Amino acid sequence: MEIAQFITGIFFILFGIGLFIFSFYGSWVLIIYAIFLIIIGLIIFLNKNEDKIEERKDLNKNEVGN
């Protein structure tokens, strides 16, 4: 996991939790935004597919070079 992915995920999660808590004192509509931010933060934080390096399909593994 890269540090930028970690920081961004934690930021979205904490901002969503803060917005969720603030929604009890403010508008109830903020709960929708808070849940959305928490879900986005979890997706960013738990995404492992970004760390993989894809192999190029146009290269043949048997060819050494031209």
N, C-alpha and C. Protein backbone atom coordinates (compact mmCIF):
# COMPACT_ATOMS: atom_id res chain seq x y z
N MET A 1 0.85 -1.17 0.00
CA MET A 1 0.00 0.00 0.00
C MET A 1 0.89 1.24 0.00
N GLU A 2 0.59 2.14 -0.88
CA GLU A 2 1.36 3.36 -0.95
C GLU A 2 0.89 4.35 0.11
N ILE A 3 1.78 5.25 0.48
CA ILE A 3 1.46 6.20 1.54
C ILE A 3 0.36 7.17 1.10
N ALA A 4 0.32 7.55 -0.18
CA ALA A 4 -0.72 8.46 -0.66
C ALA A 4 -2.09 7.79 -0.59
N GLN A 5 -2.15 6.53 -0.91
CA GLN A 5 -3.40 5.77 -0.84
C GLN A 5 -3.86 5.68 0.62
N PHE A 6 -2.95 5.45 1.52
CA PHE A 6 -3.25 5.36 2.95
C PHE A 6 -3.79 6.69 3.48
N ILE A 7 -3.09 7.78 3.15
CA ILE A 7 -3.49 9.10 3.66
C ILE A 7 -4.85 9.51 3.10
N THR A 8 -5.06 9.29 1.80
CA THR A 8 -6.33 9.66 1.18
C THR A 8 -7.48 8.86 1.75
N GLY A 9 -7.29 7.56 1.93
CA GLY A 9 -8.34 6.72 2.50
C GLY A 9 -8.70 7.13 3.91
N ILE A 10 -7.69 7.37 4.74
CA ILE A 10 -7.94 7.78 6.12
C ILE A 10 -8.62 9.15 6.16
N PHE A 11 -8.21 10.07 5.26
CA PHE A 11 -8.82 11.40 5.22
C PHE A 11 -10.31 11.30 4.91
N PHE A 12 -10.68 10.53 3.89
CA PHE A 12 -12.08 10.40 3.53
C PHE A 12 -12.89 9.74 4.66
N ILE A 13 -12.32 8.73 5.29
CA ILE A 13 -13.02 8.04 6.37
C ILE A 13 -13.24 8.99 7.56
N LEU A 14 -12.20 9.70 7.96
CA LEU A 14 -12.32 10.61 9.10
C LEU A 14 -13.24 11.79 8.79
N PHE A 15 -13.17 12.31 7.57
CA PHE A 15 -14.07 13.41 7.20
C PHE A 15 -15.51 12.93 7.16
N GLY A 16 -15.73 11.70 6.70
CA GLY A 16 -17.08 11.14 6.69
C GLY A 16 -17.63 10.93 8.09
N ILE A 17 -16.78 10.45 8.99
CA ILE A 17 -17.21 10.26 10.38
C ILE A 17 -17.51 11.61 11.03
N GLY A 18 -16.66 12.60 10.77
CA GLY A 18 -16.92 13.94 11.31
C GLY A 18 -18.21 14.53 10.77
N LEU A 19 -18.46 14.33 9.49
CA LEU A 19 -19.70 14.83 8.89
C LEU A 19 -20.91 14.09 9.45
N PHE A 20 -20.73 12.81 9.72
CA PHE A 20 -21.81 12.01 10.31
C PHE A 20 -22.17 12.52 11.70
N ILE A 21 -21.16 12.81 12.50
CA ILE A 21 -21.41 13.33 13.85
C ILE A 21 -22.04 14.73 13.77
N PHE A 22 -21.53 15.56 12.85
CA PHE A 22 -22.07 16.91 12.69
C PHE A 22 -23.52 16.89 12.20
N SER A 23 -23.92 15.83 11.50
CA SER A 23 -25.27 15.77 10.95
C SER A 23 -26.34 15.68 12.04
N PHE A 24 -25.98 15.21 13.22
CA PHE A 24 -26.94 15.15 14.32
C PHE A 24 -27.26 16.54 14.86
N TYR A 25 -26.32 17.47 14.71
CA TYR A 25 -26.53 18.84 15.17
C TYR A 25 -26.99 19.75 14.05
N GLY A 26 -26.81 19.32 12.82
CA GLY A 26 -27.19 20.14 11.68
C GLY A 26 -28.30 19.47 10.89
N SER A 27 -28.07 19.33 9.63
CA SER A 27 -29.07 18.77 8.73
C SER A 27 -28.92 17.26 8.64
N TRP A 28 -30.04 16.56 8.61
CA TRP A 28 -30.03 15.10 8.49
C TRP A 28 -29.61 14.64 7.10
N VAL A 29 -29.64 15.54 6.14
CA VAL A 29 -29.23 15.19 4.77
C VAL A 29 -27.74 14.89 4.72
N LEU A 30 -26.98 15.45 5.65
CA LEU A 30 -25.54 15.22 5.67
C LEU A 30 -25.17 13.76 5.93
N ILE A 31 -26.08 12.99 6.48
CA ILE A 31 -25.81 11.56 6.72
C ILE A 31 -25.56 10.85 5.40
N ILE A 32 -26.29 11.23 4.36
CA ILE A 32 -26.10 10.61 3.04
C ILE A 32 -24.69 10.89 2.54
N TYR A 33 -24.25 12.14 2.64
CA TYR A 33 -22.91 12.49 2.21
C TYR A 33 -21.85 11.82 3.08
N ALA A 34 -22.11 11.72 4.36
CA ALA A 34 -21.15 11.09 5.27
C ALA A 34 -20.97 9.61 4.94
N ILE A 35 -22.06 8.91 4.71
CA ILE A 35 -21.97 7.49 4.38
C ILE A 35 -21.26 7.31 3.04
N PHE A 36 -21.56 8.19 2.08
CA PHE A 36 -20.90 8.13 0.78
C PHE A 36 -19.39 8.33 0.92
N LEU A 37 -18.96 9.30 1.72
CA LEU A 37 -17.53 9.56 1.93
C LEU A 37 -16.85 8.40 2.65
N ILE A 38 -17.52 7.81 3.61
CA ILE A 38 -16.94 6.67 4.33
C ILE A 38 -16.76 5.48 3.39
N ILE A 39 -17.73 5.23 2.53
CA ILE A 39 -17.61 4.12 1.57
C ILE A 39 -16.48 4.38 0.59
N ILE A 40 -16.39 5.60 0.06
CA ILE A 40 -15.31 5.94 -0.86
C ILE A 40 -13.95 5.79 -0.16
N GLY A 41 -13.86 6.24 1.07
CA GLY A 41 -12.61 6.11 1.83
C GLY A 41 -12.22 4.66 2.04
N LEU A 42 -13.19 3.80 2.34
CA LEU A 42 -12.89 2.38 2.51
C LEU A 42 -12.44 1.74 1.21
N ILE A 43 -13.06 2.14 0.10
CA ILE A 43 -12.66 1.60 -1.21
C ILE A 43 -11.23 2.00 -1.53
N ILE A 44 -10.89 3.26 -1.30
CA ILE A 44 -9.52 3.72 -1.56
C ILE A 44 -8.54 3.03 -0.62
N PHE A 45 -8.91 2.92 0.64
CA PHE A 45 -8.01 2.34 1.64
C PHE A 45 -7.76 0.85 1.41
N LEU A 46 -8.78 0.12 0.98
CA LEU A 46 -8.66 -1.33 0.84
C LEU A 46 -8.35 -1.79 -0.58
N ASN A 47 -8.16 -0.86 -1.51
CA ASN A 47 -7.89 -1.22 -2.90
C ASN A 47 -6.47 -1.76 -3.04
N LYS A 48 -6.35 -3.02 -3.41
CA LYS A 48 -5.04 -3.64 -3.60
C LYS A 48 -4.69 -3.80 -5.08
N ASN A 49 -5.65 -3.62 -5.98
CA ASN A 49 -5.41 -3.83 -7.40
C ASN A 49 -4.52 -2.76 -8.00
N GLU A 50 -4.47 -1.59 -7.40
CA GLU A 50 -3.67 -0.51 -7.94
C GLU A 50 -2.18 -0.80 -7.80
N ASP A 51 -1.80 -1.62 -6.84
CA ASP A 51 -0.40 -1.90 -6.58
C ASP A 51 0.19 -2.90 -7.58
N LYS A 52 -0.65 -3.61 -8.30
CA LYS A 52 -0.15 -4.60 -9.24
C LYS A 52 0.32 -3.93 -10.52
N ILE A 53 1.37 -4.48 -11.11
CA ILE A 53 1.86 -4.01 -12.39
C ILE A 53 1.40 -4.99 -13.46
N GLU A 54 0.65 -4.48 -14.41
CA GLU A 54 0.13 -5.35 -15.46
C GLU A 54 1.20 -5.61 -16.51
N GLU A 55 1.22 -6.84 -17.03
CA GLU A 55 2.13 -7.17 -18.10
C GLU A 55 1.56 -6.70 -19.43
N ARG A 56 2.43 -6.26 -20.30
CA ARG A 56 1.98 -5.82 -21.61
C ARG A 56 1.64 -7.04 -22.44
N LYS A 57 0.49 -7.01 -23.09
CA LYS A 57 0.05 -8.15 -23.88
C LYS A 57 0.66 -8.16 -25.27
N ASP A 58 1.23 -7.03 -25.71
CA ASP A 58 1.81 -6.98 -27.04
C ASP A 58 3.24 -7.52 -27.07
N LEU A 59 3.82 -7.78 -25.91
CA LEU A 59 5.16 -8.35 -25.85
C LEU A 59 5.07 -9.87 -25.70
N ASN A 60 5.86 -10.56 -26.46
CA ASN A 60 5.91 -12.00 -26.36
C ASN A 60 7.04 -12.37 -25.40
N LYS A 61 6.78 -13.20 -24.45
CA LYS A 61 7.80 -13.56 -23.45
C LYS A 61 8.95 -14.36 -24.06
N ASN A 62 8.69 -15.05 -25.17
CA ASN A 62 9.74 -15.88 -25.79
C ASN A 62 10.72 -15.06 -26.60
N GLU A 63 10.34 -13.89 -27.07
CA GLU A 63 11.24 -13.06 -27.86
C GLU A 63 12.21 -12.35 -26.94
N VAL A 64 13.49 -12.37 -27.31
CA VAL A 64 14.51 -11.71 -26.50
C VAL A 64 14.59 -10.24 -26.87
N GLY A 65 14.49 -9.93 -28.11
CA GLY A 65 14.56 -8.54 -28.56
C GLY A 65 14.78 -8.49 -30.05
N ASN A 66 14.49 -7.38 -30.65
CA ASN A 66 14.66 -7.24 -32.10
C ASN A 66 15.76 -6.29 -32.42
